[in-house]
Amino acid sequence: MKKLLIVIDYQKDFVNGSLGFDDARTIDDYIASLIRTYHENNDDVIFTFDTHQENYLETQEGKNLPVVHCLKNSDGWQLYGKVALELQETDQCFNKKTFGSLDLGNYLRNKIYQSITFVGVVSDICVISNAIICKAALPETDIYIDTHGVASNNQEMQKKALDILENLQFHIV
C-alpha cells in the first residue's frame, strides 16, 4: 500500500515574496528530500497551490488579508527553490482559491493509503485546513504533520494549530 505526501502551498510568495518569512526558507531542503524519497519509493506526492485572480482584493480573503499574493501563473505563484525541482508530471496538483481544497478531499475520498504526511506553509492556516479536509475524506488513515517540514510566520499560532491537530487525532511528528 502506498504512502502519500501532501505539500501545501510551498510557493514563492509564501517563502520569499509578498507574504514570505524566514522560517519558510529553512524547510526547503527538507521538503525537497522528502519528495525525492517518496518518488524513489514509488509513493504519491500531491501539491496544492494557493491560486488567486486579479480581483483578489475584492474577495473575502483579500478584504481580511489585503496583500496580493499567488496570482495565477505569476512568479510568486510558482513553487519555491529545490521543491520546485522535485515536481514530476505524475504528481497531482490542486489549485485552490481559499485555505482548504474540497477538490483535494473529493479526490482522496475513494483512495486507500497506508498513511498521509503533510508539509508546507502556512501551518496555522492552509496546512490545518487541508489536513482536516483530508481527515474527513479518509477518517481511518493515519495522518501525520511533519513538524520539520511545516512553517508559520507566527510561532504561537503554529503551536496552537499543532495542538488542535493532535487533539483531532493527527500524529504530530
C-alpha atoms as a PDB file:
ATOM      1  CA  MET A   1       0.000   0.000   0.000  1.00  0.00           C
ATOM      2  CA  LYS A   2       1.295   3.438  -0.947  1.00  0.00           C
ATOM      3  CA  LYS A   3       2.045   6.396   1.254  1.00  0.00           C
ATOM      4  CA  LEU A   4       1.095   9.962   0.322  1.00  0.00           C
ATOM      5  CA  LEU A   5       2.988  13.200   0.872  1.00  0.00           C
ATOM      6  CA  ILE A   6       0.969  16.418   0.565  1.00  0.00           C
ATOM      7  CA  VAL A   7       2.972  19.610   0.043  1.00  0.00           C
ATOM      8  CA  ILE A   8       0.848  22.620   0.929  1.00  0.00           C
ATOM      9  CA  ASP A   9       1.411  25.944  -0.859  1.00  0.00           C
ATOM     10  CA  TYR A  10       5.211  25.912  -0.933  1.00  0.00           C
ATOM     11  CA  GLN A  11       5.139  28.854  -3.327  1.00  0.00           C
ATOM     12  CA  LYS A  12       7.480  31.778  -3.797  1.00  0.00           C
ATOM     13  CA  ASP A  13       5.063  34.367  -2.402  1.00  0.00           C
ATOM     14  CA  PHE A  14       4.922  32.453   0.908  1.00  0.00           C
ATOM     15  CA  VAL A  15       8.667  31.884   1.090  1.00  0.00           C
ATOM     16  CA  ASN A  16      10.434  34.983  -0.237  1.00  0.00           C
ATOM     17  CA  GLY A  17       7.634  37.018  -1.819  1.00  0.00           C
ATOM     18  CA  SER A  18       4.853  39.271  -0.611  1.00  0.00           C
ATOM     19  CA  LEU A  19       3.987  37.024   2.362  1.00  0.00           C
ATOM     20  CA  GLY A  20       7.411  35.423   2.764  1.00  0.00           C
ATOM     21  CA  PHE A  21       9.071  34.719   6.095  1.00  0.00           C
ATOM     22  CA  ASP A  22      12.432  33.319   7.212  1.00  0.00           C
ATOM     23  CA  ASP A  23      11.178  30.023   8.647  1.00  0.00           C
ATOM     24  CA  ALA A  24       9.632  29.106   5.289  1.00  0.00           C
ATOM     25  CA  ARG A  25      13.046  29.250   3.599  1.00  0.00           C
ATOM     26  CA  THR A  26      14.623  26.937   6.156  1.00  0.00           C
ATOM     27  CA  ILE A  27      12.395  23.956   5.262  1.00  0.00           C
ATOM     28  CA  ASP A  28      13.150  23.897   1.507  1.00  0.00           C
ATOM     29  CA  ASP A  29      15.929  21.260   1.654  1.00  0.00           C
ATOM     30  CA  TYR A  30      13.945  19.050   3.998  1.00  0.00           C
ATOM     31  CA  ILE A  31      10.752  19.092   1.920  1.00  0.00           C
ATOM     32  CA  ALA A  32      12.724  18.501  -1.300  1.00  0.00           C
ATOM     33  CA  SER A  33      14.428  15.464   0.255  1.00  0.00           C
ATOM     34  CA  LEU A  34      11.075  14.059   1.407  1.00  0.00           C
ATOM     35  CA  ILE A  35       9.615  14.463  -2.088  1.00  0.00           C
ATOM     36  CA  ARG A  36      12.646  12.661  -3.568  1.00  0.00           C
ATOM     37  CA  THR A  37      12.229   9.810  -1.090  1.00  0.00           C
ATOM     38  CA  TYR A  38       8.529   9.439  -1.859  1.00  0.00           C
ATOM     39  CA  HIS A  39       9.246   9.401  -5.593  1.00  0.00           C
ATOM     40  CA  GLU A  40      12.066   6.855  -5.179  1.00  0.00           C
ATOM     41  CA  ASN A  41       9.709   4.600  -3.194  1.00  0.00           C
ATOM     42  CA  ASN A  42       7.002   4.930  -5.853  1.00  0.00           C
ATOM     43  CA  ASP A  43       4.730   6.637  -3.341  1.00  0.00           C
ATOM     44  CA  ASP A  44       2.413   9.516  -4.245  1.00  0.00           C
ATOM     45  CA  VAL A  45       3.003  13.253  -3.917  1.00  0.00           C
ATOM     46  CA  ILE A  46       0.345  15.946  -4.134  1.00  0.00           C
ATOM     47  CA  PHE A  47       0.976  19.684  -4.322  1.00  0.00           C
ATOM     48  CA  THR A  48      -1.519  22.416  -3.539  1.00  0.00           C
ATOM     49  CA  PHE A  49      -1.213  25.892  -4.986  1.00  0.00           C
ATOM     50  CA  ASP A  50      -2.802  28.922  -3.382  1.00  0.00           C
ATOM     51  CA  THR A  51      -4.304  30.451  -6.517  1.00  0.00           C
ATOM     52  CA  HIS A  52      -5.833  33.911  -6.777  1.00  0.00           C
ATOM     53  CA  GLN A  53      -7.068  36.108  -9.598  1.00  0.00           C
ATOM     54  CA  GLU A  54      -6.629  39.826 -10.290  1.00  0.00           C
ATOM     55  CA  ASN A  55      -9.738  40.580  -8.192  1.00  0.00           C
ATOM     56  CA  TYR A  56      -8.147  39.107  -5.049  1.00  0.00           C
ATOM     57  CA  LEU A  57      -8.565  42.301  -3.003  1.00  0.00           C
ATOM     58  CA  GLU A  58     -12.336  42.155  -3.664  1.00  0.00           C
ATOM     59  CA  THR A  59     -12.669  38.638  -2.202  1.00  0.00           C
ATOM     60  CA  GLN A  60     -13.445  37.911   1.442  1.00  0.00           C
ATOM     61  CA  GLU A  61      -9.880  36.713   1.990  1.00  0.00           C
ATOM     62  CA  GLY A  62      -8.474  39.778   0.243  1.00  0.00           C
ATOM     63  CA  LYS A  63     -10.518  42.104   2.422  1.00  0.00           C
ATOM     64  CA  ASN A  64      -9.168  40.391   5.555  1.00  0.00           C
ATOM     65  CA  LEU A  65      -5.622  39.896   4.264  1.00  0.00           C
ATOM     66  CA  PRO A  66      -5.052  42.798   1.857  1.00  0.00           C
ATOM     67  CA  VAL A  67      -1.715  41.571   0.499  1.00  0.00           C
ATOM     68  CA  VAL A  68      -1.838  40.495  -3.142  1.00  0.00           C
ATOM     69  CA  HIS A  69      -0.170  37.096  -3.491  1.00  0.00           C
ATOM     70  CA  CYS A  70      -0.143  33.924  -5.576  1.00  0.00           C
ATOM     71  CA  LEU A  71      -1.836  35.396  -8.627  1.00  0.00           C
ATOM     72  CA  LYS A  72      -2.273  32.500 -11.043  1.00  0.00           C
ATOM     73  CA  ASN A  73       0.769  31.993 -13.291  1.00  0.00           C
ATOM     74  CA  SER A  74       2.711  34.877 -11.692  1.00  0.00           C
ATOM     75  CA  ASP A  75       6.266  34.323 -10.468  1.00  0.00           C
ATOM     76  CA  GLY A  76       5.042  34.339  -6.852  1.00  0.00           C
ATOM     77  CA  TRP A  77       2.541  31.560  -7.667  1.00  0.00           C
ATOM     78  CA  GLN A  78       5.344  29.153  -8.705  1.00  0.00           C
ATOM     79  CA  LEU A  79       6.841  26.573  -6.376  1.00  0.00           C
ATOM     80  CA  TYR A  80       9.898  27.753  -4.458  1.00  0.00           C
ATOM     81  CA  GLY A  81      13.509  26.605  -4.595  1.00  0.00           C
ATOM     82  CA  LYS A  82      14.583  22.965  -4.524  1.00  0.00           C
ATOM     83  CA  VAL A  83      10.985  21.862  -4.004  1.00  0.00           C
ATOM     84  CA  ALA A  84      10.155  23.245  -7.461  1.00  0.00           C
ATOM     85  CA  LEU A  85      12.818  20.986  -8.983  1.00  0.00           C
ATOM     86  CA  GLU A  86      11.185  17.863  -7.499  1.00  0.00           C
ATOM     87  CA  LEU A  87       7.748  18.270  -9.140  1.00  0.00           C
ATOM     88  CA  GLN A  88       7.081  15.406 -11.556  1.00  0.00           C
ATOM     89  CA  GLU A  89       4.422  15.005 -14.232  1.00  0.00           C
ATOM     90  CA  THR A  90       2.897  12.131 -12.271  1.00  0.00           C
ATOM     91  CA  ASP A  91       2.291  14.316  -9.189  1.00  0.00           C
ATOM     92  CA  GLN A  92      -1.235  15.580  -8.649  1.00  0.00           C
ATOM     93  CA  CYS A  93      -1.611  19.351  -8.305  1.00  0.00           C
ATOM     94  CA  PHE A  94      -4.589  21.235  -6.938  1.00  0.00           C
ATOM     95  CA  ASN A  95      -5.183  24.950  -7.397  1.00  0.00           C
ATOM     96  CA  LYS A  96      -7.198  26.296  -4.501  1.00  0.00           C
ATOM     97  CA  LYS A  97      -8.827  29.687  -4.228  1.00  0.00           C
ATOM     98  CA  THR A  98      -9.122  29.563  -0.466  1.00  0.00           C
ATOM     99  CA  PHE A  99      -7.393  27.980   2.519  1.00  0.00           C
ATOM    100  CA  GLY A 100      -8.717  24.438   2.141  1.00  0.00           C
ATOM    101  CA  SER A 101      -9.344  22.429  -1.019  1.00  0.00           C
ATOM    102  CA  LEU A 102     -12.583  20.493  -1.362  1.00  0.00           C
ATOM    103  CA  ASP A 103     -11.198  19.185  -4.657  1.00  0.00           C
ATOM    104  CA  LEU A 104      -8.340  17.585  -2.728  1.00  0.00           C
ATOM    105  CA  GLY A 105     -10.757  16.000  -0.256  1.00  0.00           C
ATOM    106  CA  ASN A 106     -13.003  14.710  -3.028  1.00  0.00           C
ATOM    107  CA  TYR A 107     -10.011  13.298  -4.897  1.00  0.00           C
ATOM    108  CA  LEU A 108      -8.850  11.408  -1.795  1.00  0.00           C
ATOM    109  CA  ARG A 109     -12.287  10.163  -0.787  1.00  0.00           C
ATOM    110  CA  ASN A 110     -12.026   6.888  -2.686  1.00  0.00           C
ATOM    111  CA  LYS A 111      -8.280   6.337  -2.306  1.00  0.00           C
ATOM    112  CA  ILE A 112      -6.501   3.964   0.033  1.00  0.00           C
ATOM    113  CA  TYR A 113      -3.197   4.992   1.585  1.00  0.00           C
ATOM    114  CA  GLN A 114      -1.090   3.465   4.310  1.00  0.00           C
ATOM    115  CA  SER A 115      -0.501   6.987   5.620  1.00  0.00           C
ATOM    116  CA  ILE A 116      -0.581  10.638   4.641  1.00  0.00           C
ATOM    117  CA  THR A 117       2.062  13.172   5.671  1.00  0.00           C
ATOM    118  CA  PHE A 118       1.629  16.946   5.455  1.00  0.00           C
ATOM    119  CA  VAL A 119       4.376  19.517   4.936  1.00  0.00           C
ATOM    120  CA  GLY A 120       4.305  23.114   3.718  1.00  0.00           C
ATOM    121  CA  VAL A 121       3.070  26.537   4.687  1.00  0.00           C
ATOM    122  CA  VAL A 122       1.316  28.175   6.448  1.00  0.00           C
ATOM    123  CA  SER A 123       0.846  25.603   9.213  1.00  0.00           C
ATOM    124  CA  ASP A 124      -1.850  27.500  11.128  1.00  0.00           C
ATOM    125  CA  ILE A 125      -3.912  28.405   8.051  1.00  0.00           C
ATOM    126  CA  CYS A 126      -3.639  26.245   4.933  1.00  0.00           C
ATOM    127  CA  VAL A 127      -1.928  23.173   6.399  1.00  0.00           C
ATOM    128  CA  ILE A 128      -4.500  22.803   9.171  1.00  0.00           C
ATOM    129  CA  SER A 129      -7.402  23.476   6.775  1.00  0.00           C
ATOM    130  CA  ASN A 130      -6.337  20.839   4.261  1.00  0.00           C
ATOM    131  CA  ALA A 131      -5.377  18.299   6.917  1.00  0.00           C
ATOM    132  CA  ILE A 132      -8.881  18.476   8.407  1.00  0.00           C
ATOM    133  CA  ILE A 133     -10.473  18.099   4.965  1.00  0.00           C
ATOM    134  CA  CYS A 134      -8.312  15.031   4.310  1.00  0.00           C
ATOM    135  CA  LYS A 135      -9.210  13.535   7.696  1.00  0.00           C
ATOM    136  CA  ALA A 136     -12.895  13.918   6.777  1.00  0.00           C
ATOM    137  CA  ALA A 137     -12.255  12.206   3.422  1.00  0.00           C
ATOM    138  CA  LEU A 138     -10.163   9.353   4.874  1.00  0.00           C
ATOM    139  CA  PRO A 139     -11.040   9.049   8.583  1.00  0.00           C
ATOM    140  CA  GLU A 140      -9.338   5.658   9.039  1.00  0.00           C
ATOM    141  CA  THR A 141      -5.995   6.695   7.509  1.00  0.00           C
ATOM    142  CA  ASP A 142      -3.125   7.715   9.784  1.00  0.00           C
ATOM    143  CA  ILE A 143      -2.309  11.338   9.002  1.00  0.00           C
ATOM    144  CA  TYR A 144       0.961  12.909  10.092  1.00  0.00           C
ATOM    145  CA  ILE A 145       2.026  16.527  10.381  1.00  0.00           C
ATOM    146  CA  ASP A 146       5.805  16.610   9.989  1.00  0.00           C
ATOM    147  CA  THR A 147       6.962  19.482  12.183  1.00  0.00           C
ATOM    148  CA  HIS A 148      10.326  19.603  10.394  1.00  0.00           C
ATOM    149  CA  GLY A 149       8.513  20.401   7.152  1.00  0.00           C
ATOM    150  CA  VAL A 150       5.907  22.978   8.184  1.00  0.00           C
ATOM    151  CA  ALA A 151       6.314  26.641   8.976  1.00  0.00           C
ATOM    152  CA  SER A 152       4.348  29.693  10.035  1.00  0.00           C
ATOM    153  CA  ASN A 153       5.167  33.366  10.391  1.00  0.00           C
ATOM    154  CA  ASN A 154       3.590  33.155  13.861  1.00  0.00           C
ATOM    155  CA  GLN A 155       5.102  30.530  16.181  1.00  0.00           C
ATOM    156  CA  GLU A 156       2.355  30.925  18.804  1.00  0.00           C
ATOM    157  CA  MET A 157      -0.347  30.238  16.213  1.00  0.00           C
ATOM    158  CA  GLN A 158       1.635  27.297  14.815  1.00  0.00           C
ATOM    159  CA  LYS A 159       1.795  25.713  18.273  1.00  0.00           C
ATOM    160  CA  LYS A 160      -1.948  26.224  18.724  1.00  0.00           C
ATOM    161  CA  ALA A 161      -2.658  24.687  15.314  1.00  0.00           C
ATOM    162  CA  LEU A 162      -0.481  21.657  16.072  1.00  0.00           C
ATOM    163  CA  ASP A 163      -2.195  21.246  19.455  1.00  0.00           C
ATOM    164  CA  ILE A 164      -5.615  21.316  17.781  1.00  0.00           C
ATOM    165  CA  LEU A 165      -4.497  18.804  15.149  1.00  0.00           C
ATOM    166  CA  GLU A 166      -3.152  16.494  17.839  1.00  0.00           C
ATOM    167  CA  ASN A 167      -6.478  16.766  19.660  1.00  0.00           C
ATOM    168  CA  LEU A 168      -8.205  15.771  16.390  1.00  0.00           C
ATOM    169  CA  GLN A 169      -6.103  12.567  16.357  1.00  0.00           C
ATOM    170  CA  PHE A 170      -3.442  13.625  13.861  1.00  0.00           C
ATOM    171  CA  HIS A 171       0.073  12.379  14.527  1.00  0.00           C
ATOM    172  CA  ILE A 172       2.436  15.285  15.213  1.00  0.00           C
ATOM    173  CA  VAL A 173       5.984  14.118  14.446  1.00  0.00           C
END
